[in-house]
Amino acid sequence: MPNLAQVDSTSIFVSGGSTLALPAVTSYTNTTTGNNLIRTLQATGAGSMLDLHNVTTVTNGQSFDTHLRVCASVALASAASASRAASSASMAAN
């Protein structure tokens, strides 16, 4: 999906040794619509990778108890910053 440029507020799961490369994506914002929401960027299983190497900014949502989980082999090599929009929001990296 080389032309997909916007994945804000989505959860993305890659597995089974697959690679999903999204080179046109340059930022990720978890624009939540309510409290207690979880978004996940995850690659599981040997050889699986979610390639977001052009992402330079990651921003979490502003609602209470909002989480953005980044798990396993997720390439964020260009990320210059990651931020929480509100003091009640959190980011978890596994």
PDB file of N, CA and C in Angstrom:
ATOM      1  N   MET A   1       0.824  -1.182   0.000  1.00  0.00           N
ATOM      2  CA  MET A   1       0.000   0.000   0.000  1.00  0.00           C
ATOM      3  C   MET A   1       0.871   1.250   0.000  1.00  0.00           C
ATOM      4  N   PRO A   2       1.680   1.415  -0.996  1.00  0.00           N
ATOM      5  CA  PRO A   2       2.636   2.526  -0.990  1.00  0.00           C
ATOM      6  C   PRO A   2       2.002   3.910  -1.059  1.00  0.00           C
ATOM      7  N   ASN A   3       0.756   4.034  -1.499  1.00  0.00           N
ATOM      8  CA  ASN A   3       0.118   5.349  -1.631  1.00  0.00           C
ATOM      9  C   ASN A   3      -0.761   5.738  -0.443  1.00  0.00           C
ATOM     10  N   LEU A   4      -0.977   4.835   0.491  1.00  0.00           N
ATOM     11  CA  LEU A   4      -1.787   5.137   1.657  1.00  0.00           C
ATOM     12  C   LEU A   4      -1.016   6.093   2.555  1.00  0.00           C
ATOM     13  N   ALA A   5      -1.542   7.311   2.744  1.00  0.00           N
ATOM     14  CA  ALA A   5      -0.796   8.349   3.463  1.00  0.00           C
ATOM     15  C   ALA A   5      -1.393   8.709   4.812  1.00  0.00           C
ATOM     16  N   GLN A   6      -2.611   8.290   5.105  1.00  0.00           N
ATOM     17  CA  GLN A   6      -3.269   8.693   6.346  1.00  0.00           C
ATOM     18  C   GLN A   6      -3.841   7.468   7.031  1.00  0.00           C
ATOM     19  N   VAL A   7      -3.341   7.178   8.241  1.00  0.00           N
ATOM     20  CA  VAL A   7      -3.832   6.047   9.022  1.00  0.00           C
ATOM     21  C   VAL A   7      -4.199   6.470  10.444  1.00  0.00           C
ATOM     22  N   ASP A   8      -4.412   7.775  10.655  1.00  0.00           N
ATOM     23  CA  ASP A   8      -4.748   8.283  11.979  1.00  0.00           C
ATOM     24  C   ASP A   8      -5.925   7.530  12.577  1.00  0.00           C
ATOM     25  N   SER A   9      -5.827   7.265  13.881  1.00  0.00           N
ATOM     26  CA  SER A   9      -6.892   6.639  14.673  1.00  0.00           C
ATOM     27  C   SER A   9      -7.249   5.232  14.234  1.00  0.00           C
ATOM     28  N   THR A  10      -6.355   4.562  13.542  1.00  0.00           N
ATOM     29  CA  THR A  10      -6.602   3.174  13.169  1.00  0.00           C
ATOM     30  C   THR A  10      -5.709   2.269  13.986  1.00  0.00           C
ATOM     31  N   SER A  11      -6.146   1.054  14.186  1.00  0.00           N
ATOM     32  CA  SER A  11      -5.290  -0.001  14.710  1.00  0.00           C
ATOM     33  C   SER A  11      -4.836  -0.820  13.516  1.00  0.00           C
ATOM     34  N   ILE A  12      -3.561  -1.199  13.532  1.00  0.00           N
ATOM     35  CA  ILE A  12      -3.009  -1.974  12.422  1.00  0.00           C
ATOM     36  C   ILE A  12      -2.327  -3.197  13.013  1.00  0.00           C
ATOM     37  N   PHE A  13      -2.671  -4.377  12.496  1.00  0.00           N
ATOM     38  CA  PHE A  13      -2.110  -5.638  12.959  1.00  0.00           C
ATOM     39  C   PHE A  13      -1.486  -6.372  11.777  1.00  0.00           C
ATOM     40  N   VAL A  14      -0.251  -6.819  11.943  1.00  0.00           N
ATOM     41  CA  VAL A  14       0.458  -7.586  10.922  1.00  0.00           C
ATOM     42  C   VAL A  14       0.906  -8.889  11.582  1.00  0.00           C
ATOM     43  N   SER A  15       0.768 -10.018  10.877  1.00  0.00           N
ATOM     44  CA  SER A  15       1.168 -11.299  11.459  1.00  0.00           C
ATOM     45  C   SER A  15       1.557 -12.284  10.363  1.00  0.00           C
ATOM     46  N   GLY A  16       1.955 -13.477  10.792  1.00  0.00           N
ATOM     47  CA  GLY A  16       2.238 -14.557   9.846  1.00  0.00           C
ATOM     48  C   GLY A  16       3.468 -14.349   8.998  1.00  0.00           C
ATOM     49  N   GLY A  17       4.439 -13.590   9.489  1.00  0.00           N
ATOM     50  CA  GLY A  17       5.656 -13.361   8.727  1.00  0.00           C
ATOM     51  C   GLY A  17       5.514 -12.323   7.632  1.00  0.00           C
ATOM     52  N   SER A  18       4.418 -11.599   7.624  1.00  0.00           N
ATOM     53  CA  SER A  18       4.153 -10.577   6.605  1.00  0.00           C
ATOM     54  C   SER A  18       4.800  -9.247   6.968  1.00  0.00           C
ATOM     55  N   THR A  19       5.015  -8.425   5.956  1.00  0.00           N
ATOM     56  CA  THR A  19       5.468  -7.048   6.140  1.00  0.00           C
ATOM     57  C   THR A  19       4.449  -6.135   5.497  1.00  0.00           C
ATOM     58  N   LEU A  20       4.032  -5.117   6.242  1.00  0.00           N
ATOM     59  CA  LEU A  20       3.160  -4.077   5.698  1.00  0.00           C
ATOM     60  C   LEU A  20       3.962  -2.786   5.716  1.00  0.00           C
ATOM     61  N   ALA A  21       4.334  -2.304   4.547  1.00  0.00           N
ATOM     62  CA  ALA A  21       5.104  -1.063   4.421  1.00  0.00           C
ATOM     63  C   ALA A  21       4.162   0.067   4.014  1.00  0.00           C
ATOM     64  N   LEU A  22       4.214   1.153   4.788  1.00  0.00           N
ATOM     65  CA  LEU A  22       3.389   2.334   4.517  1.00  0.00           C
ATOM     66  C   LEU A  22       4.310   3.553   4.416  1.00  0.00           C
ATOM     67  N   PRO A  23       5.087   3.654   3.335  1.00  0.00           N
ATOM     68  CA  PRO A  23       6.089   4.709   3.220  1.00  0.00           C
ATOM     69  C   PRO A  23       5.524   6.118   3.085  1.00  0.00           C
ATOM     70  N   ALA A  24       4.266   6.267   2.688  1.00  0.00           N
ATOM     71  CA  ALA A  24       3.683   7.603   2.524  1.00  0.00           C
ATOM     72  C   ALA A  24       3.165   8.177   3.839  1.00  0.00           C
ATOM     73  N   VAL A  25       3.087   7.359   4.895  1.00  0.00           N
ATOM     74  CA  VAL A  25       2.610   7.824   6.198  1.00  0.00           C
ATOM     75  C   VAL A  25       3.752   8.545   6.900  1.00  0.00           C
ATOM     76  N   THR A  26       3.532   9.816   7.275  1.00  0.00           N
ATOM     77  CA  THR A  26       4.577  10.616   7.925  1.00  0.00           C
ATOM     78  C   THR A  26       4.245  11.000   9.358  1.00  0.00           C
ATOM     79  N   SER A  27       2.994  10.760   9.795  1.00  0.00           N
ATOM     80  CA  SER A  27       2.610  11.042  11.177  1.00  0.00           C
ATOM     81  C   SER A  27       1.467  10.122  11.564  1.00  0.00           C
ATOM     82  N   TYR A  28       1.283   9.974  12.875  1.00  0.00           N
ATOM     83  CA  TYR A  28       0.168   9.194  13.390  1.00  0.00           C
ATOM     84  C   TYR A  28      -0.435   9.957  14.557  1.00  0.00           C
ATOM     85  N   THR A  29      -1.733  10.238  14.473  1.00  0.00           N
ATOM     86  CA  THR A  29      -2.454  10.906  15.549  1.00  0.00           C
ATOM     87  C   THR A  29      -3.629  10.034  15.956  1.00  0.00           C
ATOM     88  N   ASN A  30      -3.689   9.742  17.244  1.00  0.00           N
ATOM     89  CA  ASN A  30      -4.786   8.958  17.791  1.00  0.00           C
ATOM     90  C   ASN A  30      -5.891   9.938  18.166  1.00  0.00           C
ATOM     91  N   THR A  31      -6.723  10.306  17.209  1.00  0.00           N
ATOM     92  CA  THR A  31      -7.802  11.268  17.426  1.00  0.00           C
ATOM     93  C   THR A  31      -9.018  10.537  17.981  1.00  0.00           C
ATOM     94  N   THR A  32      -9.018  10.359  19.282  1.00  0.00           N
ATOM     95  CA  THR A  32     -10.056   9.581  19.946  1.00  0.00           C
ATOM     96  C   THR A  32     -11.385  10.313  19.975  1.00  0.00           C
ATOM     97  N   THR A  33     -12.445   9.527  20.059  1.00  0.00           N
ATOM     98  CA  THR A  33     -13.795  10.073  20.100  1.00  0.00           C
ATOM     99  C   THR A  33     -14.452   9.884  21.459  1.00  0.00           C
ATOM    100  N   GLY A  34     -13.739   9.264  22.396  1.00  0.00           N
ATOM    101  CA  GLY A  34     -14.293   9.047  23.719  1.00  0.00           C
ATOM    102  C   GLY A  34     -13.243   8.526  24.677  1.00  0.00           C
ATOM    103  N   ASN A  35     -13.626   8.329  25.921  1.00  0.00           N
ATOM    104  CA  ASN A  35     -12.717   7.841  26.950  1.00  0.00           C
ATOM    105  C   ASN A  35     -12.451   6.345  26.796  1.00  0.00           C
ATOM    106  N   ASN A  36     -11.335   5.912  27.390  1.00  0.00           N
ATOM    107  CA  ASN A  36     -10.992   4.487  27.502  1.00  0.00           C
ATOM    108  C   ASN A  36     -10.831   3.778  26.162  1.00  0.00           C
ATOM    109  N   LEU A  37     -10.272   4.460  25.167  1.00  0.00           N
ATOM    110  CA  LEU A  37     -10.062   3.842  23.862  1.00  0.00           C
ATOM    111  C   LEU A  37      -8.610   3.401  23.722  1.00  0.00           C
ATOM    112  N   ILE A  38      -8.419   2.285  23.040  1.00  0.00           N
ATOM    113  CA  ILE A  38      -7.074   1.762  22.800  1.00  0.00           C
ATOM    114  C   ILE A  38      -6.892   1.581  21.297  1.00  0.00           C
ATOM    115  N   ARG A  39      -5.811   2.113  20.769  1.00  0.00           N
ATOM    116  CA  ARG A  39      -5.405   1.879  19.383  1.00  0.00           C
ATOM    117  C   ARG A  39      -4.097   1.103  19.457  1.00  0.00           C
ATOM    118  N   THR A  40      -3.863   0.208  18.500  1.00  0.00           N
ATOM    119  CA  THR A  40      -2.684  -0.646  18.529  1.00  0.00           C
ATOM    120  C   THR A  40      -2.008  -0.674  17.171  1.00  0.00           C
ATOM    121  N   LEU A  41      -0.688  -0.529  17.176  1.00  0.00           N
ATOM    122  CA  LEU A  41       0.148  -0.761  16.007  1.00  0.00           C
ATOM    123  C   LEU A  41       0.993  -1.975  16.374  1.00  0.00           C
ATOM    124  N   GLN A  42       0.763  -3.112  15.698  1.00  0.00           N
ATOM    125  CA  GLN A  42       1.355  -4.355  16.172  1.00  0.00           C
ATOM    126  C   GLN A  42       1.791  -5.264  15.037  1.00  0.00           C
ATOM    127  N   ALA A  43       2.939  -5.886  15.225  1.00  0.00           N
ATOM    128  CA  ALA A  43       3.412  -6.948  14.346  1.00  0.00           C
ATOM    129  C   ALA A  43       3.767  -8.136  15.226  1.00  0.00           C
ATOM    130  N   THR A  44       3.140  -9.289  14.969  1.00  0.00           N
ATOM    131  CA  THR A  44       3.402 -10.472  15.780  1.00  0.00           C
ATOM    132  C   THR A  44       3.799 -11.648  14.900  1.00  0.00           C
ATOM    133  N   GLY A  45       4.649 -12.481  15.447  1.00  0.00           N
ATOM    134  CA  GLY A  45       5.113 -13.657  14.726  1.00  0.00           C
ATOM    135  C   GLY A  45       6.451 -13.406  14.067  1.00  0.00           C
ATOM    136  N   ALA A  46       7.225 -14.463  13.956  1.00  0.00           N
ATOM    137  CA  ALA A  46       8.574 -14.372  13.381  1.00  0.00           C
ATOM    138  C   ALA A  46       8.530 -13.759  11.990  1.00  0.00           C
ATOM    139  N   GLY A  47       9.363 -12.747  11.777  1.00  0.00           N
ATOM    140  CA  GLY A  47       9.481 -12.107  10.473  1.00  0.00           C
ATOM    141  C   GLY A  47       8.417 -11.077  10.155  1.00  0.00           C
ATOM    142  N   SER A  48       7.449 -10.888  11.031  1.00  0.00           N
ATOM    143  CA  SER A  48       6.386  -9.905  10.780  1.00  0.00           C
ATOM    144  C   SER A  48       6.890  -8.506  11.067  1.00  0.00           C
ATOM    145  N   MET A  49       6.509  -7.535  10.222  1.00  0.00           N
ATOM    146  CA  MET A  49       6.921  -6.151  10.440  1.00  0.00           C
ATOM    147  C   MET A  49       5.884  -5.177   9.916  1.00  0.00           C
ATOM    148  N   LEU A  50       5.660  -4.145  10.706  1.00  0.00           N
ATOM    149  CA  LEU A  50       4.862  -2.996  10.289  1.00  0.00           C
ATOM    150  C   LEU A  50       5.859  -1.882  10.043  1.00  0.00           C
ATOM    151  N   ASP A  51       6.056  -1.516   8.797  1.00  0.00           N
ATOM    152  CA  ASP A  51       7.084  -0.548   8.409  1.00  0.00           C
ATOM    153  C   ASP A  51       6.473   0.840   8.252  1.00  0.00           C
ATOM    154  N   LEU A  52       6.725   1.689   9.242  1.00  0.00           N
ATOM    155  CA  LEU A  52       6.278   3.082   9.248  1.00  0.00           C
ATOM    156  C   LEU A  52       7.506   3.989   9.372  1.00  0.00           C
ATOM    157  N   HIS A  53       8.549   3.686   8.610  1.00  0.00           N
ATOM    158  CA  HIS A  53       9.846   4.347   8.801  1.00  0.00           C
ATOM    159  C   HIS A  53       9.861   5.838   8.472  1.00  0.00           C
ATOM    160  N   ASN A  54       8.855   6.355   7.810  1.00  0.00           N
ATOM    161  CA  ASN A  54       8.814   7.790   7.516  1.00  0.00           C
ATOM    162  C   ASN A  54       7.987   8.590   8.514  1.00  0.00           C
ATOM    163  N   VAL A  55       7.458   7.926   9.536  1.00  0.00           N
ATOM    164  CA  VAL A  55       6.697   8.627  10.575  1.00  0.00           C
ATOM    165  C   VAL A  55       7.669   9.450  11.418  1.00  0.00           C
ATOM    166  N   THR A  56       7.392  10.747  11.525  1.00  0.00           N
ATOM    167  CA  THR A  56       8.250  11.636  12.314  1.00  0.00           C
ATOM    168  C   THR A  56       7.579  12.115  13.593  1.00  0.00           C
ATOM    169  N   THR A  57       6.244  11.980  13.685  1.00  0.00           N
ATOM    170  CA  THR A  57       5.514  12.442  14.859  1.00  0.00           C
ATOM    171  C   THR A  57       4.404  11.455  15.207  1.00  0.00           C
ATOM    172  N   VAL A  58       4.314  11.116  16.507  1.00  0.00           N
ATOM    173  CA  VAL A  58       3.233  10.277  17.011  1.00  0.00           C
ATOM    174  C   VAL A  58       2.557  11.049  18.140  1.00  0.00           C
ATOM    175  N   THR A  59       1.231  11.229  18.043  1.00  0.00           N
ATOM    176  CA  THR A  59       0.485  11.978  19.051  1.00  0.00           C
ATOM    177  C   THR A  59      -0.676  11.137  19.543  1.00  0.00           C
ATOM    178  N   ASN A  60      -0.806  11.049  20.868  1.00  0.00           N
ATOM    179  CA  ASN A  60      -1.905  10.280  21.444  1.00  0.00           C
ATOM    180  C   ASN A  60      -3.129  11.171  21.609  1.00  0.00           C
ATOM    181  N   GLY A  61      -4.272  10.550  21.863  1.00  0.00           N
ATOM    182  CA  GLY A  61      -5.545  11.259  21.983  1.00  0.00           C
ATOM    183  C   GLY A  61      -5.658  12.115  23.227  1.00  0.00           C
ATOM    184  N   GLN A  62      -6.721  12.928  23.268  1.00  0.00           N
ATOM    185  CA  GLN A  62      -6.938  13.861  24.362  1.00  0.00           C
ATOM    186  C   GLN A  62      -7.963  13.376  25.374  1.00  0.00           C
ATOM    187  N   SER A  63      -8.618  12.276  25.112  1.00  0.00           N
ATOM    188  CA  SER A  63      -9.652  11.782  26.028  1.00  0.00           C
ATOM    189  C   SER A  63      -9.015  11.040  27.194  1.00  0.00           C
ATOM    190  N   PHE A  64      -9.760  10.909  28.291  1.00  0.00           N
ATOM    191  CA  PHE A  64      -9.284  10.238  29.494  1.00  0.00           C
ATOM    192  C   PHE A  64      -8.957   8.775  29.208  1.00  0.00           C
ATOM    193  N   ASP A  65      -7.825   8.318  29.726  1.00  0.00           N
ATOM    194  CA  ASP A  65      -7.410   6.917  29.678  1.00  0.00           C
ATOM    195  C   ASP A  65      -7.324   6.384  28.246  1.00  0.00           C
ATOM    196  N   THR A  66      -6.764   7.183  27.361  1.00  0.00           N
ATOM    197  CA  THR A  66      -6.556   6.806  25.977  1.00  0.00           C
ATOM    198  C   THR A  66      -5.166   6.204  25.833  1.00  0.00           C
ATOM    199  N   HIS A  67      -5.062   5.091  25.116  1.00  0.00           N
ATOM    200  CA  HIS A  67      -3.785   4.405  24.974  1.00  0.00           C
ATOM    201  C   HIS A  67      -3.466   4.154  23.504  1.00  0.00           C
ATOM    202  N   LEU A  68      -2.213   4.326  23.169  1.00  0.00           N
ATOM    203  CA  LEU A  68      -1.689   3.932  21.865  1.00  0.00           C
ATOM    204  C   LEU A  68      -0.606   2.909  22.154  1.00  0.00           C
ATOM    205  N   ARG A  69      -0.840   1.671  21.747  1.00  0.00           N
ATOM    206  CA  ARG A  69       0.113   0.585  21.982  1.00  0.00           C
ATOM    207  C   ARG A  69       0.906   0.337  20.716  1.00  0.00           C
ATOM    208  N   VAL A  70       2.221   0.348  20.858  1.00  0.00           N
ATOM    209  CA  VAL A  70       3.125   0.014  19.764  1.00  0.00           C
ATOM    210  C   VAL A  70       3.842  -1.251  20.200  1.00  0.00           C
ATOM    211  N   CYS A  71       3.623  -2.357  19.484  1.00  0.00           N
ATOM    212  CA  CYS A  71       4.115  -3.660  19.917  1.00  0.00           C
ATOM    213  C   CYS A  71       4.926  -4.351  18.831  1.00  0.00           C
ATOM    214  N   ALA A  72       6.042  -4.952  19.234  1.00  0.00           N
ATOM    215  CA  ALA A  72       6.878  -5.822  18.396  1.00  0.00           C
ATOM    216  C   ALA A  72       7.626  -5.049  17.319  1.00  0.00           C
ATOM    217  N   SER A  73       7.752  -5.634  16.144  1.00  0.00           N
ATOM    218  CA  SER A  73       8.591  -5.071  15.088  1.00  0.00           C
ATOM    219  C   SER A  73       7.858  -4.003  14.294  1.00  0.00           C
ATOM    220  N   VAL A  74       7.861  -2.789  14.819  1.00  0.00           N
ATOM    221  CA  VAL A  74       7.251  -1.644  14.149  1.00  0.00           C
ATOM    222  C   VAL A  74       8.366  -0.644  13.888  1.00  0.00           C
ATOM    223  N   ALA A  75       8.642  -0.360  12.625  1.00  0.00           N
ATOM    224  CA  ALA A  75       9.736   0.543  12.274  1.00  0.00           C
ATOM    225  C   ALA A  75       9.254   1.985  12.321  1.00  0.00           C
ATOM    226  N   LEU A  76       9.781   2.746  13.272  1.00  0.00           N
ATOM    227  CA  LEU A  76       9.483   4.174  13.412  1.00  0.00           C
ATOM    228  C   LEU A  76      10.808   4.936  13.424  1.00  0.00           C
ATOM    229  N   ALA A  77      11.709   4.586  12.557  1.00  0.00           N
ATOM    230  CA  ALA A  77      13.079   5.099  12.585  1.00  0.00           C
ATOM    231  C   ALA A  77      13.175   6.611  12.483  1.00  0.00           C
ATOM    232  N   SER A  78      12.249   7.268  11.805  1.00  0.00           N
ATOM    233  CA  SER A  78      12.330   8.716  11.614  1.00  0.00           C
ATOM    234  C   SER A  78      11.621   9.511  12.695  1.00  0.00           C
ATOM    235  N   ALA A  79      10.962   8.850  13.625  1.00  0.00           N
ATOM    236  CA  ALA A  79      10.154   9.555  14.620  1.00  0.00           C
ATOM    237  C   ALA A  79      11.009  10.506  15.449  1.00  0.00           C
ATOM    238  N   ALA A  80      10.726  11.791  15.314  1.00  0.00           N
ATOM    239  CA  ALA A  80      11.450  12.811  16.056  1.00  0.00           C
ATOM    240  C   ALA A  80      10.786  13.090  17.396  1.00  0.00           C
ATOM    241  N   SER A  81       9.484  12.787  17.500  1.00  0.00           N
ATOM    242  CA  SER A  81       8.797  13.042  18.763  1.00  0.00           C
ATOM    243  C   SER A  81       7.591  12.138  18.918  1.00  0.00           C
ATOM    244  N   ALA A  82       7.241  11.928  20.164  1.00  0.00           N
ATOM    245  CA  ALA A  82       6.011  11.235  20.521  1.00  0.00           C
ATOM    246  C   ALA A  82       5.454  11.991  21.706  1.00  0.00           C
ATOM    247  N   SER A  83       4.173  12.318  21.671  1.00  0.00           N
ATOM    248  CA  SER A  83       3.638  13.140  22.731  1.00  0.00           C
ATOM    249  C   SER A  83       2.271  12.669  23.198  1.00  0.00           C
ATOM    250  N   ARG A  84       1.954  13.086  24.403  1.00  0.00           N
ATOM    251  CA  ARG A  84       0.623  12.871  24.952  1.00  0.00           C
ATOM    252  C   ARG A  84      -0.093  14.193  24.891  1.00  0.00           C
ATOM    253  N   ALA A  85      -1.295  14.208  24.392  1.00  0.00           N
ATOM    254  CA  ALA A  85      -2.040  15.457  24.239  1.00  0.00           C
ATOM    255  C   ALA A  85      -2.639  15.933  25.560  1.00  0.00           C
ATOM    256  N   ALA A  86      -2.860  15.025  26.497  1.00  0.00           N
ATOM    257  CA  ALA A  86      -3.447  15.412  27.789  1.00  0.00           C
ATOM    258  C   ALA A  86      -2.767  14.607  28.886  1.00  0.00           C
ATOM    259  N   SER A  87      -2.783  15.135  30.088  1.00  0.00           N
ATOM    260  CA  SER A  87      -2.085  14.471  31.179  1.00  0.00           C
ATOM    261  C   SER A  87      -2.685  13.116  31.530  1.00  0.00           C
ATOM    262  N   SER A  88      -3.938  12.870  31.179  1.00  0.00           N
ATOM    263  CA  SER A  88      -4.569  11.609  31.491  1.00  0.00           C
ATOM    264  C   SER A  88      -4.331  10.542  30.421  1.00  0.00           C
ATOM    265  N   ALA A  89      -3.742  10.925  29.305  1.00  0.00           N
ATOM    266  CA  ALA A  89      -3.471   9.979  28.229  1.00  0.00           C
ATOM    267  C   ALA A  89      -2.117   9.325  28.458  1.00  0.00           C
ATOM    268  N   SER A  90      -1.936   8.148  27.894  1.00  0.00           N
ATOM    269  CA  SER A  90      -0.648   7.473  28.051  1.00  0.00           C
ATOM    270  C   SER A  90      -0.265   6.745  26.784  1.00  0.00           C
ATOM    271  N   MET A  91       1.017   6.520  26.635  1.00  0.00           N
ATOM    272  CA  MET A  91       1.538   5.756  25.512  1.00  0.00           C
ATOM    273  C   MET A  91       2.299   4.582  26.080  1.00  0.00           C
ATOM    274  N   ALA A  92       2.103   3.402  25.509  1.00  0.00           N
ATOM    275  CA  ALA A  92       2.790   2.203  25.983  1.00  0.00           C
ATOM    276  C   ALA A  92       3.570   1.587  24.843  1.00  0.00           C
ATOM    277  N   ALA A  93       4.808   1.245  25.116  1.00  0.00           N
ATOM    278  CA  ALA A  93       5.624   0.538  24.126  1.00  0.00           C
ATOM    279  C   ALA A  93       6.015  -0.795  24.737  1.00  0.00           C
ATOM    280  N   ASN A  94       5.757  -1.858  24.003  1.00  0.00           N
ATOM    281  CA  ASN A  94       6.099  -3.195  24.491  1.00  0.00           C
ATOM    282  C   ASN A  94       7.291  -3.714  23.731  1.00  0.00           C
TER     283      ASN A  94
END
